Amino acid sequence: VTMDTFLGEVCQKIYDNHKDELDEIAIIIPNRRASVYIHKHLSDHFNTPFFAPKITTINEWVDENTAEEIISQTELLFLLFDIYVEVDKEEAEDFDSFLKWGKIILSDFDEIDRYNVSPKEIFRDLRNIKDIDNWSFDLITPSSHGLKKPDHLSDGQKKYADLWDRLPIYYEKLNQKLDAIQTTYQGRAYQDFAKRTHLSNPSAYKHYYFIGFNALSRAE
């Protein structure tokens, strides 16, 4: 089934059920591309102007319902770098070296919040997994009696292990900094909005349709 066919069937259902109250409907979609097809399929049912439903992406919907400003990854990188320098002090690398792993860490932080998992638990589990990986592969050396674990880590291995130990500190300090300047990032905004929907109904519309989603995170 093509996207055009799928959206045509969904729009037919929306029209059949709500043709006299389309302006009381919000349609949430993964990205803007689908909105063109939805407008086309709905307009095919009318010969005169009509009040269209609200069509918005899930990112836009969360943004509209978030009091804090959702800042870009570039801004987050600069904030995280400042925290990294503050924590690691003279051991901190320059910004270009930091970029190699800074983006990955921000992506991990975003996923932690989107999936609404405990940061302490996930960081502990990740550290344990990394210990196993290091022991099993990186830190095993051949000997006359088979394989053995070396007595000392190389400087690079120690630095890598220390980075994993400090992830919870980076995460906590980044969130504290964001609170102080009343900003947030997308994963955190999703998590906060999901929590608030359990306390009150944020609906500004009579009906909501979520169309075209798969592999949803817990917050979504």
C-alpha atoms as a PDB file:
ATOM      1  CA  VAL A   1       0.000   0.000   0.000  1.00  0.00           C
ATOM      2  CA  THR A   2       1.467   3.364  -1.019  1.00  0.00           C
ATOM      3  CA  MET A   3       1.395   6.371   1.292  1.00  0.00           C
ATOM      4  CA  ASP A   4      -1.032   8.109  -1.084  1.00  0.00           C
ATOM      5  CA  THR A   5      -3.428   5.128  -0.992  1.00  0.00           C
ATOM      6  CA  PHE A   6      -3.156   4.756   2.784  1.00  0.00           C
ATOM      7  CA  LEU A   7      -3.829   8.446   3.392  1.00  0.00           C
ATOM      8  CA  GLY A   8      -6.717   8.365   0.936  1.00  0.00           C
ATOM      9  CA  GLU A   9      -8.388   5.604   2.951  1.00  0.00           C
ATOM     10  CA  VAL A  10      -7.785   7.403   6.254  1.00  0.00           C
ATOM     11  CA  CYS A  11      -9.147  10.691   4.890  1.00  0.00           C
ATOM     12  CA  GLN A  12     -12.238   8.895   3.615  1.00  0.00           C
ATOM     13  CA  LYS A  13     -12.856   7.588   7.134  1.00  0.00           C
ATOM     14  CA  ILE A  14     -12.322  11.040   8.645  1.00  0.00           C
ATOM     15  CA  TYR A  15     -14.732  12.574   6.141  1.00  0.00           C
ATOM     16  CA  ASP A  16     -17.384   9.899   6.725  1.00  0.00           C
ATOM     17  CA  ASN A  17     -17.223  10.333  10.499  1.00  0.00           C
ATOM     18  CA  HIS A  18     -16.651  14.081  10.839  1.00  0.00           C
ATOM     19  CA  LYS A  19     -17.598  15.923   7.641  1.00  0.00           C
ATOM     20  CA  ASP A  20     -19.589  18.498   9.642  1.00  0.00           C
ATOM     21  CA  GLU A  21     -16.921  19.080  12.297  1.00  0.00           C
ATOM     22  CA  LEU A  22     -13.581  18.955  10.514  1.00  0.00           C
ATOM     23  CA  ASP A  23     -12.473  22.151  12.231  1.00  0.00           C
ATOM     24  CA  GLU A  24     -12.742  20.303  15.564  1.00  0.00           C
ATOM     25  CA  ILE A  25     -10.172  17.726  14.503  1.00  0.00           C
ATOM     26  CA  ALA A  26      -6.388  17.713  14.872  1.00  0.00           C
ATOM     27  CA  ILE A  27      -4.354  15.379  12.688  1.00  0.00           C
ATOM     28  CA  ILE A  28      -0.876  14.580  14.030  1.00  0.00           C
ATOM     29  CA  ILE A  29       1.643  13.243  11.496  1.00  0.00           C
ATOM     30  CA  PRO A  30       5.337  12.270  11.637  1.00  0.00           C
ATOM     31  CA  ASN A  31       6.482  14.883   9.102  1.00  0.00           C
ATOM     32  CA  ARG A  32       5.165  17.642   6.853  1.00  0.00           C
ATOM     33  CA  ARG A  33       5.254  15.594   3.655  1.00  0.00           C
ATOM     34  CA  ALA A  34       1.977  13.836   4.452  1.00  0.00           C
ATOM     35  CA  SER A  35       0.066  17.094   4.949  1.00  0.00           C
ATOM     36  CA  VAL A  36      -0.010  17.784   1.182  1.00  0.00           C
ATOM     37  CA  TYR A  37      -1.740  14.451   0.513  1.00  0.00           C
ATOM     38  CA  ILE A  38      -4.180  14.895   3.411  1.00  0.00           C
ATOM     39  CA  HIS A  39      -5.260  18.345   2.210  1.00  0.00           C
ATOM     40  CA  LYS A  40      -5.712  16.991  -1.327  1.00  0.00           C
ATOM     41  CA  HIS A  41      -7.779  13.957  -0.293  1.00  0.00           C
ATOM     42  CA  LEU A  42     -10.044  15.952   2.019  1.00  0.00           C
ATOM     43  CA  SER A  43     -10.601  18.733  -0.523  1.00  0.00           C
ATOM     44  CA  ASP A  44     -11.689  16.129  -3.112  1.00  0.00           C
ATOM     45  CA  HIS A  45     -14.838  15.635  -1.027  1.00  0.00           C
ATOM     46  CA  PHE A  46     -15.922  19.269  -1.135  1.00  0.00           C
ATOM     47  CA  ASN A  47     -17.079  21.544  -3.956  1.00  0.00           C
ATOM     48  CA  THR A  48     -17.084  24.653  -1.775  1.00  0.00           C
ATOM     49  CA  PRO A  49     -14.624  26.131   0.740  1.00  0.00           C
ATOM     50  CA  PHE A  50     -14.553  24.313   4.094  1.00  0.00           C
ATOM     51  CA  PHE A  51     -12.918  24.612   7.493  1.00  0.00           C
ATOM     52  CA  ALA A  52      -9.990  22.194   7.371  1.00  0.00           C
ATOM     53  CA  PRO A  53      -8.732  20.237  10.356  1.00  0.00           C
ATOM     54  CA  LYS A  54      -5.532  21.257  12.060  1.00  0.00           C
ATOM     55  CA  ILE A  55      -2.657  19.273  10.543  1.00  0.00           C
ATOM     56  CA  THR A  56       0.612  19.341  12.435  1.00  0.00           C
ATOM     57  CA  THR A  57       3.712  17.219  12.984  1.00  0.00           C
ATOM     58  CA  ILE A  58       4.248  15.570  16.336  1.00  0.00           C
ATOM     59  CA  ASN A  59       7.330  17.735  16.919  1.00  0.00           C
ATOM     60  CA  GLU A  60       5.281  20.883  16.301  1.00  0.00           C
ATOM     61  CA  TRP A  61       2.489  19.602  18.553  1.00  0.00           C
ATOM     62  CA  VAL A  62       4.875  18.916  21.430  1.00  0.00           C
ATOM     63  CA  ASP A  63       6.531  22.308  20.851  1.00  0.00           C
ATOM     64  CA  GLU A  64       3.159  24.089  21.043  1.00  0.00           C
ATOM     65  CA  ASN A  65       2.474  22.405  24.380  1.00  0.00           C
ATOM     66  CA  THR A  66       5.898  23.074  25.909  1.00  0.00           C
ATOM     67  CA  ALA A  67       6.424  26.240  27.928  1.00  0.00           C
ATOM     68  CA  GLU A  68      10.222  26.123  27.614  1.00  0.00           C
ATOM     69  CA  GLU A  69      12.035  26.911  24.384  1.00  0.00           C
ATOM     70  CA  ILE A  70      13.198  23.758  22.595  1.00  0.00           C
ATOM     71  CA  ILE A  71      16.734  24.570  21.507  1.00  0.00           C
ATOM     72  CA  SER A  72      18.692  23.153  18.579  1.00  0.00           C
ATOM     73  CA  GLN A  73      21.364  20.465  18.748  1.00  0.00           C
ATOM     74  CA  THR A  74      24.011  23.094  17.924  1.00  0.00           C
ATOM     75  CA  GLU A  75      23.056  25.107  21.000  1.00  0.00           C
ATOM     76  CA  LEU A  76      22.985  21.921  23.067  1.00  0.00           C
ATOM     77  CA  LEU A  77      26.477  21.010  21.877  1.00  0.00           C
ATOM     78  CA  PHE A  78      27.882  24.306  23.124  1.00  0.00           C
ATOM     79  CA  LEU A  79      26.138  23.864  26.480  1.00  0.00           C
ATOM     80  CA  LEU A  80      27.402  20.300  26.809  1.00  0.00           C
ATOM     81  CA  PHE A  81      30.934  21.361  25.866  1.00  0.00           C
ATOM     82  CA  ASP A  82      30.926  24.007  28.616  1.00  0.00           C
ATOM     83  CA  ILE A  83      29.808  21.350  31.102  1.00  0.00           C
ATOM     84  CA  TYR A  84      32.439  18.918  29.802  1.00  0.00           C
ATOM     85  CA  VAL A  85      35.202  21.499  30.321  1.00  0.00           C
ATOM     86  CA  GLU A  86      33.839  22.316  33.783  1.00  0.00           C
ATOM     87  CA  VAL A  87      33.841  18.653  34.829  1.00  0.00           C
ATOM     88  CA  ASP A  88      37.003  17.386  33.119  1.00  0.00           C
ATOM     89  CA  LYS A  89      39.031  20.581  33.621  1.00  0.00           C
ATOM     90  CA  GLU A  90      42.604  20.217  32.300  1.00  0.00           C
ATOM     91  CA  GLU A  91      41.855  16.770  30.890  1.00  0.00           C
ATOM     92  CA  ALA A  92      39.192  18.155  28.540  1.00  0.00           C
ATOM     93  CA  GLU A  93      39.851  17.936  24.801  1.00  0.00           C
ATOM     94  CA  ASP A  94      39.329  20.785  22.354  1.00  0.00           C
ATOM     95  CA  PHE A  95      35.932  21.423  20.760  1.00  0.00           C
ATOM     96  CA  ASP A  96      36.735  19.621  17.493  1.00  0.00           C
ATOM     97  CA  SER A  97      37.699  16.442  19.365  1.00  0.00           C
ATOM     98  CA  PHE A  98      34.643  16.780  21.608  1.00  0.00           C
ATOM     99  CA  LEU A  99      32.334  16.940  18.559  1.00  0.00           C
ATOM    100  CA  LYS A 100      33.236  13.352  17.621  1.00  0.00           C
ATOM    101  CA  TRP A 101      31.386  11.974  20.630  1.00  0.00           C
ATOM    102  CA  GLY A 102      29.356  14.966  21.861  1.00  0.00           C
ATOM    103  CA  LYS A 103      26.658  14.463  19.213  1.00  0.00           C
ATOM    104  CA  ILE A 104      26.389  10.777  20.127  1.00  0.00           C
ATOM    105  CA  ILE A 105      25.948  11.576  23.812  1.00  0.00           C
ATOM    106  CA  LEU A 106      23.210  14.128  23.080  1.00  0.00           C
ATOM    107  CA  SER A 107      21.423  11.556  20.927  1.00  0.00           C
ATOM    108  CA  ASP A 108      21.645   9.050  23.802  1.00  0.00           C
ATOM    109  CA  PHE A 109      20.277  11.609  26.275  1.00  0.00           C
ATOM    110  CA  ASP A 110      17.388  12.313  23.899  1.00  0.00           C
ATOM    111  CA  GLU A 111      16.568   8.596  23.607  1.00  0.00           C
ATOM    112  CA  ILE A 112      16.708   8.127  27.384  1.00  0.00           C
ATOM    113  CA  ASP A 113      14.015  10.771  27.826  1.00  0.00           C
ATOM    114  CA  ARG A 114      11.893   9.697  24.866  1.00  0.00           C
ATOM    115  CA  TYR A 115      11.758   6.157  26.250  1.00  0.00           C
ATOM    116  CA  ASN A 116      11.148   7.449  29.774  1.00  0.00           C
ATOM    117  CA  VAL A 117      13.772   5.262  31.425  1.00  0.00           C
ATOM    118  CA  SER A 118      15.663   5.969  34.635  1.00  0.00           C
ATOM    119  CA  PRO A 119      18.957   7.749  33.787  1.00  0.00           C
ATOM    120  CA  LYS A 120      20.733   6.164  36.760  1.00  0.00           C
ATOM    121  CA  GLU A 121      19.706   2.657  35.762  1.00  0.00           C
ATOM    122  CA  ILE A 122      20.510   3.059  32.077  1.00  0.00           C
ATOM    123  CA  PHE A 123      23.928   4.598  32.750  1.00  0.00           C
ATOM    124  CA  ARG A 124      24.743   1.794  35.198  1.00  0.00           C
ATOM    125  CA  ASP A 125      23.684  -0.852  32.675  1.00  0.00           C
ATOM    126  CA  LEU A 126      25.623   0.812  29.850  1.00  0.00           C
ATOM    127  CA  ARG A 127      28.736   0.949  32.024  1.00  0.00           C
ATOM    128  CA  ASN A 128      28.385  -2.747  32.889  1.00  0.00           C
ATOM    129  CA  ILE A 129      27.989  -3.646  29.223  1.00  0.00           C
ATOM    130  CA  LYS A 130      31.053  -1.594  28.345  1.00  0.00           C
ATOM    131  CA  ASP A 131      33.049  -3.343  31.077  1.00  0.00           C
ATOM    132  CA  ILE A 132      32.099  -6.712  29.605  1.00  0.00           C
ATOM    133  CA  ASP A 133      32.981  -5.560  26.089  1.00  0.00           C
ATOM    134  CA  ASN A 134      36.369  -4.303  27.237  1.00  0.00           C
ATOM    135  CA  TRP A 135      37.160  -7.441  29.212  1.00  0.00           C
ATOM    136  CA  SER A 136      36.032  -9.735  26.420  1.00  0.00           C
ATOM    137  CA  PHE A 137      37.620  -8.003  23.453  1.00  0.00           C
ATOM    138  CA  ASP A 138      39.658  -4.831  23.908  1.00  0.00           C
ATOM    139  CA  LEU A 139      41.525  -5.799  27.038  1.00  0.00           C
ATOM    140  CA  ILE A 140      42.350  -9.434  26.326  1.00  0.00           C
ATOM    141  CA  THR A 141      45.868 -10.247  25.151  1.00  0.00           C
ATOM    142  CA  PRO A 142      47.413 -13.545  24.017  1.00  0.00           C
ATOM    143  CA  SER A 143      49.817 -15.418  26.290  1.00  0.00           C
ATOM    144  CA  SER A 144      51.563 -18.790  26.324  1.00  0.00           C
ATOM    145  CA  HIS A 145      48.679 -20.129  28.431  1.00  0.00           C
ATOM    146  CA  GLY A 146      45.892 -18.790  26.238  1.00  0.00           C
ATOM    147  CA  LEU A 147      44.260 -15.404  26.864  1.00  0.00           C
ATOM    148  CA  LYS A 148      44.722 -13.155  29.853  1.00  0.00           C
ATOM    149  CA  LYS A 149      43.565  -9.736  30.974  1.00  0.00           C
ATOM    150  CA  PRO A 150      46.415  -7.186  31.116  1.00  0.00           C
ATOM    151  CA  ASP A 151      47.325  -5.586  34.424  1.00  0.00           C
ATOM    152  CA  HIS A 152      46.886  -2.004  33.209  1.00  0.00           C
ATOM    153  CA  LEU A 153      44.710  -0.119  30.748  1.00  0.00           C
ATOM    154  CA  SER A 154      46.250   1.995  28.034  1.00  0.00           C
ATOM    155  CA  ASP A 155      45.762   5.761  28.307  1.00  0.00           C
ATOM    156  CA  GLY A 156      43.129   5.648  25.569  1.00  0.00           C
ATOM    157  CA  GLN A 157      41.213   2.793  27.246  1.00  0.00           C
ATOM    158  CA  LYS A 158      41.298   4.538  30.618  1.00  0.00           C
ATOM    159  CA  LYS A 159      40.052   7.788  29.085  1.00  0.00           C
ATOM    160  CA  TYR A 160      37.223   5.922  27.362  1.00  0.00           C
ATOM    161  CA  ALA A 161      36.231   4.160  30.595  1.00  0.00           C
ATOM    162  CA  ASP A 162      36.313   7.438  32.524  1.00  0.00           C
ATOM    163  CA  LEU A 163      33.998   9.008  29.943  1.00  0.00           C
ATOM    164  CA  TRP A 164      31.363   6.353  30.612  1.00  0.00           C
ATOM    165  CA  ASP A 165      31.682   6.961  34.345  1.00  0.00           C
ATOM    166  CA  ARG A 166      30.993  10.673  33.886  1.00  0.00           C
ATOM    167  CA  LEU A 167      27.918  10.364  31.640  1.00  0.00           C
ATOM    168  CA  PRO A 168      25.487  10.660  34.590  1.00  0.00           C
ATOM    169  CA  ILE A 169      27.260  13.856  35.676  1.00  0.00           C
ATOM    170  CA  TYR A 170      27.010  15.372  32.180  1.00  0.00           C
ATOM    171  CA  TYR A 171      23.330  14.447  31.991  1.00  0.00           C
ATOM    172  CA  GLU A 172      22.453  15.903  35.398  1.00  0.00           C
ATOM    173  CA  LYS A 173      24.403  19.123  34.881  1.00  0.00           C
ATOM    174  CA  LEU A 174      22.949  19.627  31.389  1.00  0.00           C
ATOM    175  CA  ASN A 175      19.422  19.317  32.734  1.00  0.00           C
ATOM    176  CA  GLN A 176      20.203  21.709  35.579  1.00  0.00           C
ATOM    177  CA  LYS A 177      21.603  24.227  33.102  1.00  0.00           C
ATOM    178  CA  LEU A 178      18.537  23.940  30.872  1.00  0.00           C
ATOM    179  CA  ASP A 179      16.225  24.488  33.846  1.00  0.00           C
ATOM    180  CA  ALA A 180      18.193  27.591  34.822  1.00  0.00           C
ATOM    181  CA  ILE A 181      17.759  29.194  31.388  1.00  0.00           C
ATOM    182  CA  GLN A 182      14.204  27.836  30.897  1.00  0.00           C
ATOM    183  CA  THR A 183      15.007  25.791  27.814  1.00  0.00           C
ATOM    184  CA  THR A 184      14.841  22.124  26.935  1.00  0.00           C
ATOM    185  CA  TYR A 185      15.589  19.642  24.153  1.00  0.00           C
ATOM    186  CA  GLN A 186      13.177  17.561  22.135  1.00  0.00           C
ATOM    187  CA  GLY A 187      13.389  14.248  24.002  1.00  0.00           C
ATOM    188  CA  ARG A 188      12.963  15.973  27.332  1.00  0.00           C
ATOM    189  CA  ALA A 189      10.007  17.989  25.995  1.00  0.00           C
ATOM    190  CA  TYR A 190       8.357  14.743  24.838  1.00  0.00           C
ATOM    191  CA  GLN A 191       8.864  13.197  28.265  1.00  0.00           C
ATOM    192  CA  ASP A 192       7.464  16.211  30.128  1.00  0.00           C
ATOM    193  CA  PHE A 193       4.436  16.506  27.834  1.00  0.00           C
ATOM    194  CA  ALA A 194       3.699  12.780  28.174  1.00  0.00           C
ATOM    195  CA  LYS A 195       3.736  13.096  31.961  1.00  0.00           C
ATOM    196  CA  ARG A 196       1.369  16.064  31.866  1.00  0.00           C
ATOM    197  CA  THR A 197      -1.206  14.244  29.729  1.00  0.00           C
ATOM    198  CA  HIS A 198      -1.758  11.862  32.654  1.00  0.00           C
ATOM    199  CA  LEU A 199      -2.671  14.764  34.922  1.00  0.00           C
ATOM    200  CA  SER A 200      -4.964  16.786  32.677  1.00  0.00           C
ATOM    201  CA  ASN A 201      -6.453  16.766  29.220  1.00  0.00           C
ATOM    202  CA  PRO A 202      -4.512  19.199  26.989  1.00  0.00           C
ATOM    203  CA  SER A 203      -6.965  18.773  24.142  1.00  0.00           C
ATOM    204  CA  ALA A 204      -7.923  21.902  22.266  1.00  0.00           C
ATOM    205  CA  TYR A 205      -9.788  19.768  19.741  1.00  0.00           C
ATOM    206  CA  LYS A 206     -12.677  17.336  19.953  1.00  0.00           C
ATOM    207  CA  HIS A 207     -10.902  14.535  18.082  1.00  0.00           C
ATOM    208  CA  TYR A 208      -7.261  13.634  17.499  1.00  0.00           C
ATOM    209  CA  TYR A 209      -5.964  11.384  14.741  1.00  0.00           C
ATOM    210  CA  PHE A 210      -2.384  10.109  14.822  1.00  0.00           C
ATOM    211  CA  ILE A 211      -1.511   8.928  11.328  1.00  0.00           C
ATOM    212  CA  GLY A 212       1.527   7.155   9.879  1.00  0.00           C
ATOM    213  CA  PHE A 213       3.460   6.303  13.045  1.00  0.00           C
ATOM    214  CA  ASN A 214       5.425   3.164  13.823  1.00  0.00           C
ATOM    215  CA  ALA A 215       8.026   2.062  16.384  1.00  0.00           C
ATOM    216  CA  LEU A 216       6.809   4.623  18.895  1.00  0.00           C
ATOM    217  CA  SER A 217       8.880   5.557  21.924  1.00  0.00           C
ATOM    218  CA  ARG A 218       7.229   5.313  25.343  1.00  0.00           C
ATOM    219  CA  ALA A 219       6.712   9.083  25.524  1.00  0.00           C
ATOM    220  CA  GLU A 220       5.111   9.110  22.071  1.00  0.00           C
END
